[in-house]
Amino acid sequence: MSQVPTEILFVVEEDATGGYTARAIGAAIFTEADTWSELQEQVRDSVQCHFEPGRAPKLIRLHYVREEVLPL
């Protein structure tokens, strides 16, 4: 039997049309939401749906990626 992962990592980005998207690394999970708090809830729900009961990671890490261009 495989070991239960301790955490799962999501890469979070702002969507061009507003809101946020989150994509899991190492698992086929993708979700989106209009606000940060909604995204947190969506990510939790998505992880619980993806894994069998008792097999979900104990921690969810959100890595927020934001690109910004500064003029010199």
PDB file of N, CA and C in Angstrom:
ATOM      1  N   MET A   1       0.852  -1.186   0.000  1.00  0.00           N
ATOM      2  CA  MET A   1       0.000   0.000   0.000  1.00  0.00           C
ATOM      3  C   MET A   1       0.893   1.243   0.000  1.00  0.00           C
ATOM      4  N   SER A   2       0.576   2.222  -0.827  1.00  0.00           N
ATOM      5  CA  SER A   2       1.390   3.428  -0.906  1.00  0.00           C
ATOM      6  C   SER A   2       1.163   4.323   0.309  1.00  0.00           C
ATOM      7  N   GLN A   3       2.191   5.092   0.592  1.00  0.00           N
ATOM      8  CA  GLN A   3       2.168   5.981   1.746  1.00  0.00           C
ATOM      9  C   GLN A   3       1.309   7.217   1.459  1.00  0.00           C
ATOM     10  N   VAL A   4       0.618   7.714   2.471  1.00  0.00           N
ATOM     11  CA  VAL A   4      -0.192   8.930   2.335  1.00  0.00           C
ATOM     12  C   VAL A   4       0.759  10.128   2.291  1.00  0.00           C
ATOM     13  N   PRO A   5       0.645  10.992   1.271  1.00  0.00           N
ATOM     14  CA  PRO A   5       1.531  12.159   1.209  1.00  0.00           C
ATOM     15  C   PRO A   5       1.256  13.113   2.371  1.00  0.00           C
ATOM     16  N   THR A   6       2.317  13.778   2.849  1.00  0.00           N
ATOM     17  CA  THR A   6       2.130  14.714   3.960  1.00  0.00           C
ATOM     18  C   THR A   6       1.571  16.049   3.488  1.00  0.00           C
ATOM     19  N   GLU A   7       1.901  16.439   2.246  1.00  0.00           N
ATOM     20  CA  GLU A   7       1.358  17.695   1.721  1.00  0.00           C
ATOM     21  C   GLU A   7       1.240  17.630   0.208  1.00  0.00           C
ATOM     22  N   ILE A   8       0.438  18.556  -0.315  1.00  0.00           N
ATOM     23  CA  ILE A   8       0.282  18.702  -1.759  1.00  0.00           C
ATOM     24  C   ILE A   8       0.507  20.173  -2.082  1.00  0.00           C
ATOM     25  N   LEU A   9       1.182  20.435  -3.197  1.00  0.00           N
ATOM     26  CA  LEU A   9       1.539  21.789  -3.599  1.00  0.00           C
ATOM     27  C   LEU A   9       0.689  22.229  -4.785  1.00  0.00           C
ATOM     28  N   PHE A  10       0.140  23.432  -4.674  1.00  0.00           N
ATOM     29  CA  PHE A  10      -0.604  24.057  -5.767  1.00  0.00           C
ATOM     30  C   PHE A  10       0.121  25.327  -6.199  1.00  0.00           C
ATOM     31  N   VAL A  11       0.208  25.537  -7.505  1.00  0.00           N
ATOM     32  CA  VAL A  11       0.702  26.792  -8.057  1.00  0.00           C
ATOM     33  C   VAL A  11      -0.522  27.654  -8.336  1.00  0.00           C
ATOM     34  N   VAL A  12      -0.563  28.824  -7.717  1.00  0.00           N
ATOM     35  CA  VAL A  12      -1.709  29.734  -7.833  1.00  0.00           C
ATOM     36  C   VAL A  12      -1.291  30.952  -8.648  1.00  0.00           C
ATOM     37  N   GLU A  13      -2.128  31.314  -9.605  1.00  0.00           N
ATOM     38  CA  GLU A  13      -1.876  32.490 -10.430  1.00  0.00           C
ATOM     39  C   GLU A  13      -3.153  33.311 -10.552  1.00  0.00           C
ATOM     40  N   GLU A  14      -2.963  34.616 -10.776  1.00  0.00           N
ATOM     41  CA  GLU A  14      -4.117  35.463 -11.078  1.00  0.00           C
ATOM     42  C   GLU A  14      -4.550  35.153 -12.501  1.00  0.00           C
ATOM     43  N   ASP A  15      -5.852  35.052 -12.707  1.00  0.00           N
ATOM     44  CA  ASP A  15      -6.386  34.797 -14.035  1.00  0.00           C
ATOM     45  C   ASP A  15      -6.471  36.115 -14.793  1.00  0.00           C
ATOM     46  N   ALA A  16      -6.213  36.082 -16.080  1.00  0.00           N
ATOM     47  CA  ALA A  16      -6.243  37.297 -16.898  1.00  0.00           C
ATOM     48  C   ALA A  16      -7.610  37.966 -16.894  1.00  0.00           C
ATOM     49  N   THR A  17      -8.667  37.187 -16.698  1.00  0.00           N
ATOM     50  CA  THR A  17     -10.025  37.738 -16.701  1.00  0.00           C
ATOM     51  C   THR A  17     -10.529  38.043 -15.294  1.00  0.00           C
ATOM     52  N   GLY A  18      -9.658  37.896 -14.291  1.00  0.00           N
ATOM     53  CA  GLY A  18     -10.039  38.137 -12.902  1.00  0.00           C
ATOM     54  C   GLY A  18     -10.098  36.839 -12.126  1.00  0.00           C
ATOM     55  N   GLY A  19      -9.890  36.927 -10.844  1.00  0.00           N
ATOM     56  CA  GLY A  19      -9.913  35.740 -10.004  1.00  0.00           C
ATOM     57  C   GLY A  19      -8.581  35.017 -10.002  1.00  0.00           C
ATOM     58  N   TYR A  20      -8.609  33.755  -9.596  1.00  0.00           N
ATOM     59  CA  TYR A  20      -7.397  32.960  -9.424  1.00  0.00           C
ATOM     60  C   TYR A  20      -7.590  31.569  -9.995  1.00  0.00           C
ATOM     61  N   THR A  21      -6.469  30.963 -10.409  1.00  0.00           N
ATOM     62  CA  THR A  21      -6.454  29.558 -10.786  1.00  0.00           C
ATOM     63  C   THR A  21      -5.430  28.845  -9.914  1.00  0.00           C
ATOM     64  N   ALA A  22      -5.669  27.567  -9.651  1.00  0.00           N
ATOM     65  CA  ALA A  22      -4.751  26.756  -8.851  1.00  0.00           C
ATOM     66  C   ALA A  22      -4.578  25.404  -9.524  1.00  0.00           C
ATOM     67  N   ARG A  23      -3.302  25.007  -9.699  1.00  0.00           N
ATOM     68  CA  ARG A  23      -2.969  23.747 -10.355  1.00  0.00           C
ATOM     69  C   ARG A  23      -2.044  22.963  -9.440  1.00  0.00           C
ATOM     70  N   ALA A  24      -2.416  21.724  -9.149  1.00  0.00           N
ATOM     71  CA  ALA A  24      -1.606  20.879  -8.275  1.00  0.00           C
ATOM     72  C   ALA A  24      -0.382  20.365  -9.024  1.00  0.00           C
ATOM     73  N   ILE A  25       0.721  20.238  -8.304  1.00  0.00           N
ATOM     74  CA  ILE A  25       1.932  19.629  -8.835  1.00  0.00           C
ATOM     75  C   ILE A  25       1.918  18.160  -8.416  1.00  0.00           C
ATOM     76  N   GLY A  26       1.994  17.267  -9.387  1.00  0.00           N
ATOM     77  CA  GLY A  26       2.030  15.841  -9.091  1.00  0.00           C
ATOM     78  C   GLY A  26       0.675  15.176  -8.955  1.00  0.00           C
ATOM     79  N   ALA A  27      -0.389  15.926  -9.195  1.00  0.00           N
ATOM     80  CA  ALA A  27      -1.744  15.361  -9.154  1.00  0.00           C
ATOM     81  C   ALA A  27      -2.588  16.105 -10.190  1.00  0.00           C
ATOM     82  N   ALA A  28      -3.546  15.428 -10.768  1.00  0.00           N
ATOM     83  CA  ALA A  28      -4.398  16.029 -11.800  1.00  0.00           C
ATOM     84  C   ALA A  28      -5.551  16.784 -11.154  1.00  0.00           C
ATOM     85  N   ILE A  29      -5.211  17.916 -10.506  1.00  0.00           N
ATOM     86  CA  ILE A  29      -6.224  18.737  -9.839  1.00  0.00           C
ATOM     87  C   ILE A  29      -6.061  20.174 -10.327  1.00  0.00           C
ATOM     88  N   PHE A  30      -7.154  20.777 -10.779  1.00  0.00           N
ATOM     89  CA  PHE A  30      -7.175  22.167 -11.210  1.00  0.00           C
ATOM     90  C   PHE A  30      -8.477  22.776 -10.728  1.00  0.00           C
ATOM     91  N   THR A  31      -8.408  24.000 -10.228  1.00  0.00           N
ATOM     92  CA  THR A  31      -9.627  24.689  -9.815  1.00  0.00           C
ATOM     93  C   THR A  31      -9.433  26.190  -9.990  1.00  0.00           C
ATOM     94  N   GLU A  32     -10.528  26.927  -9.887  1.00  0.00           N
ATOM     95  CA  GLU A  32     -10.482  28.383 -10.031  1.00  0.00           C
ATOM     96  C   GLU A  32     -11.562  29.011  -9.169  1.00  0.00           C
ATOM     97  N   ALA A  33     -11.374  30.308  -8.868  1.00  0.00           N
ATOM     98  CA  ALA A  33     -12.354  31.025  -8.048  1.00  0.00           C
ATOM     99  C   ALA A  33     -12.177  32.523  -8.256  1.00  0.00           C
ATOM    100  N   ASP A  34     -13.190  33.277  -7.849  1.00  0.00           N
ATOM    101  CA  ASP A  34     -13.162  34.729  -8.003  1.00  0.00           C
ATOM    102  C   ASP A  34     -12.353  35.429  -6.920  1.00  0.00           C
ATOM    103  N   THR A  35     -12.351  34.901  -5.699  1.00  0.00           N
ATOM    104  CA  THR A  35     -11.642  35.539  -4.588  1.00  0.00           C
ATOM    105  C   THR A  35     -10.662  34.556  -3.960  1.00  0.00           C
ATOM    106  N   TRP A  36      -9.728  35.096  -3.166  1.00  0.00           N
ATOM    107  CA  TRP A  36      -8.725  34.267  -2.496  1.00  0.00           C
ATOM    108  C   TRP A  36      -9.381  33.284  -1.523  1.00  0.00           C
ATOM    109  N   SER A  37     -10.344  33.750  -0.752  1.00  0.00           N
ATOM    110  CA  SER A  37     -10.997  32.853   0.213  1.00  0.00           C
ATOM    111  C   SER A  37     -11.809  31.766  -0.499  1.00  0.00           C
ATOM    112  N   GLU A  38     -12.456  32.106  -1.601  1.00  0.00           N
ATOM    113  CA  GLU A  38     -13.174  31.095  -2.386  1.00  0.00           C
ATOM    114  C   GLU A  38     -12.200  30.075  -2.976  1.00  0.00           C
ATOM    115  N   LEU A  39     -11.026  30.551  -3.403  1.00  0.00           N
ATOM    116  CA  LEU A  39     -10.027  29.638  -3.954  1.00  0.00           C
ATOM    117  C   LEU A  39      -9.554  28.648  -2.886  1.00  0.00           C
ATOM    118  N   GLN A  40      -9.311  29.133  -1.685  1.00  0.00           N
ATOM    119  CA  GLN A  40      -8.896  28.238  -0.602  1.00  0.00           C
ATOM    120  C   GLN A  40      -9.942  27.143  -0.375  1.00  0.00           C
ATOM    121  N   GLU A  41     -11.192  27.528  -0.368  1.00  0.00           N
ATOM    122  CA  GLU A  41     -12.282  26.566  -0.185  1.00  0.00           C
ATOM    123  C   GLU A  41     -12.348  25.581  -1.357  1.00  0.00           C
ATOM    124  N   GLN A  42     -12.210  26.086  -2.578  1.00  0.00           N
ATOM    125  CA  GLN A  42     -12.246  25.231  -3.769  1.00  0.00           C
ATOM    126  C   GLN A  42     -11.090  24.229  -3.765  1.00  0.00           C
ATOM    127  N   VAL A  43      -9.904  24.689  -3.362  1.00  0.00           N
ATOM    128  CA  VAL A  43      -8.742  23.801  -3.310  1.00  0.00           C
ATOM    129  C   VAL A  43      -8.986  22.686  -2.293  1.00  0.00           C
ATOM    130  N   ARG A  44      -9.457  23.036  -1.112  1.00  0.00           N
ATOM    131  CA  ARG A  44      -9.756  22.013  -0.092  1.00  0.00           C
ATOM    132  C   ARG A  44     -10.762  20.986  -0.625  1.00  0.00           C
ATOM    133  N   ASP A  45     -11.842  21.479  -1.215  1.00  0.00           N
ATOM    134  CA  ASP A  45     -12.873  20.584  -1.758  1.00  0.00           C
ATOM    135  C   ASP A  45     -12.304  19.687  -2.859  1.00  0.00           C
ATOM    136  N   SER A  46     -11.489  20.262  -3.732  1.00  0.00           N
ATOM    137  CA  SER A  46     -10.904  19.494  -4.833  1.00  0.00           C
ATOM    138  C   SER A  46      -9.984  18.390  -4.328  1.00  0.00           C
ATOM    139  N   VAL A  47      -9.190  18.688  -3.321  1.00  0.00           N
ATOM    140  CA  VAL A  47      -8.281  17.687  -2.753  1.00  0.00           C
ATOM    141  C   VAL A  47      -9.084  16.562  -2.108  1.00  0.00           C
ATOM    142  N   GLN A  48     -10.114  16.913  -1.360  1.00  0.00           N
ATOM    143  CA  GLN A  48     -10.937  15.886  -0.715  1.00  0.00           C
ATOM    144  C   GLN A  48     -11.633  14.999  -1.747  1.00  0.00           C
ATOM    145  N   CYS A  49     -12.058  15.577  -2.868  1.00  0.00           N
ATOM    146  CA  CYS A  49     -12.713  14.790  -3.924  1.00  0.00           C
ATOM    147  C   CYS A  49     -11.717  13.909  -4.678  1.00  0.00           C
ATOM    148  N   HIS A  50     -10.489  14.382  -4.832  1.00  0.00           N
ATOM    149  CA  HIS A  50      -9.490  13.662  -5.627  1.00  0.00           C
ATOM    150  C   HIS A  50      -8.977  12.400  -4.932  1.00  0.00           C
ATOM    151  N   PHE A  51      -8.793  12.482  -3.623  1.00  0.00           N
ATOM    152  CA  PHE A  51      -8.214  11.362  -2.878  1.00  0.00           C
ATOM    153  C   PHE A  51      -9.296  10.524  -2.207  1.00  0.00           C
ATOM    154  N   GLU A  52      -9.009   9.248  -2.048  1.00  0.00           N
ATOM    155  CA  GLU A  52      -9.910   8.361  -1.321  1.00  0.00           C
ATOM    156  C   GLU A  52      -9.929   8.778   0.148  1.00  0.00           C
ATOM    157  N   PRO A  53     -11.020   8.498   0.863  1.00  0.00           N
ATOM    158  CA  PRO A  53     -11.090   8.853   2.285  1.00  0.00           C
ATOM    159  C   PRO A  53      -9.888   8.294   3.063  1.00  0.00           C
ATOM    160  N   GLY A  54      -9.285   9.158   3.856  1.00  0.00           N
ATOM    161  CA  GLY A  54      -8.130   8.769   4.655  1.00  0.00           C
ATOM    162  C   GLY A  54      -6.813   8.775   3.907  1.00  0.00           C
ATOM    163  N   ARG A  55      -6.816   9.106   2.601  1.00  0.00           N
ATOM    164  CA  ARG A  55      -5.595   9.091   1.783  1.00  0.00           C
ATOM    165  C   ARG A  55      -5.151  10.493   1.363  1.00  0.00           C
ATOM    166  N   ALA A  56      -5.896  11.519   1.745  1.00  0.00           N
ATOM    167  CA  ALA A  56      -5.557  12.894   1.360  1.00  0.00           C
ATOM    168  C   ALA A  56      -4.392  13.406   2.199  1.00  0.00           C
ATOM    169  N   PRO A  57      -3.570  14.286   1.624  1.00  0.00           N
ATOM    170  CA  PRO A  57      -2.474  14.888   2.387  1.00  0.00           C
ATOM    171  C   PRO A  57      -3.017  15.689   3.567  1.00  0.00           C
ATOM    172  N   LYS A  58      -2.209  15.825   4.591  1.00  0.00           N
ATOM    173  CA  LYS A  58      -2.620  16.575   5.781  1.00  0.00           C
ATOM    174  C   LYS A  58      -2.484  18.082   5.581  1.00  0.00           C
ATOM    175  N   LEU A  59      -1.596  18.492   4.667  1.00  0.00           N
ATOM    176  CA  LEU A  59      -1.354  19.910   4.424  1.00  0.00           C
ATOM    177  C   LEU A  59      -1.502  20.232   2.943  1.00  0.00           C
ATOM    178  N   ILE A  60      -2.008  21.436   2.672  1.00  0.00           N
ATOM    179  CA  ILE A  60      -2.090  21.960   1.312  1.00  0.00           C
ATOM    180  C   ILE A  60      -1.245  23.226   1.282  1.00  0.00           C
ATOM    181  N   ARG A  61      -0.264  23.252   0.391  1.00  0.00           N
ATOM    182  CA  ARG A  61       0.596  24.433   0.252  1.00  0.00           C
ATOM    183  C   ARG A  61       0.196  25.174  -1.018  1.00  0.00           C
ATOM    184  N   LEU A  62      -0.085  26.473  -0.885  1.00  0.00           N
ATOM    185  CA  LEU A  62      -0.427  27.316  -2.026  1.00  0.00           C
ATOM    186  C   LEU A  62       0.773  28.200  -2.336  1.00  0.00           C
ATOM    187  N   HIS A  63       1.330  28.042  -3.527  1.00  0.00           N
ATOM    188  CA  HIS A  63       2.468  28.850  -3.974  1.00  0.00           C
ATOM    189  C   HIS A  63       1.929  29.883  -4.957  1.00  0.00           C
ATOM    190  N   TYR A  64       1.827  31.125  -4.491  1.00  0.00           N
ATOM    191  CA  TYR A  64       1.241  32.200  -5.289  1.00  0.00           C
ATOM    192  C   TYR A  64       2.311  32.806  -6.194  1.00  0.00           C
ATOM    193  N   VAL A  65       2.094  32.712  -7.503  1.00  0.00           N
ATOM    194  CA  VAL A  65       3.040  33.218  -8.489  1.00  0.00           C
ATOM    195  C   VAL A  65       2.452  34.474  -9.114  1.00  0.00           C
ATOM    196  N   ARG A  66       3.232  35.533  -9.069  1.00  0.00           N
ATOM    197  CA  ARG A  66       2.762  36.792  -9.639  1.00  0.00           C
ATOM    198  C   ARG A  66       3.887  37.415 -10.451  1.00  0.00           C
ATOM    199  N   GLU A  67       3.593  37.723 -11.680  1.00  0.00           N
ATOM    200  CA  GLU A  67       4.588  38.356 -12.535  1.00  0.00           C
ATOM    201  C   GLU A  67       4.357  39.857 -12.532  1.00  0.00           C
ATOM    202  N   GLU A  68       5.445  40.586 -12.387  1.00  0.00           N
ATOM    203  CA  GLU A  68       5.351  42.042 -12.398  1.00  0.00           C
ATOM    204  C   GLU A  68       6.529  42.587 -13.189  1.00  0.00           C
ATOM    205  N   VAL A  69       6.267  43.515 -14.091  1.00  0.00           N
ATOM    206  CA  VAL A  69       7.310  44.128 -14.901  1.00  0.00           C
ATOM    207  C   VAL A  69       7.504  45.558 -14.418  1.00  0.00           C
ATOM    208  N   LEU A  70       8.751  45.892 -14.128  1.00  0.00           N
ATOM    209  CA  LEU A  70       9.071  47.234 -13.644  1.00  0.00           C
ATOM    210  C   LEU A  70       9.885  47.981 -14.694  1.00  0.00           C
ATOM    211  N   PRO A  71       9.498  49.202 -15.023  1.00  0.00           N
ATOM    212  CA  PRO A  71      10.318  49.977 -15.957  1.00  0.00           C
ATOM    213  C   PRO A  71      11.574  50.478 -15.246  1.00  0.00           C
ATOM    214  N   LEU A  72      12.613  50.628 -16.000  1.00  0.00           N
ATOM    215  CA  LEU A  72      13.863  51.139 -15.444  1.00  0.00           C
ATOM    216  C   LEU A  72      13.984  52.623 -15.599  1.00  0.00           C
TER     217      LEU A  72
END
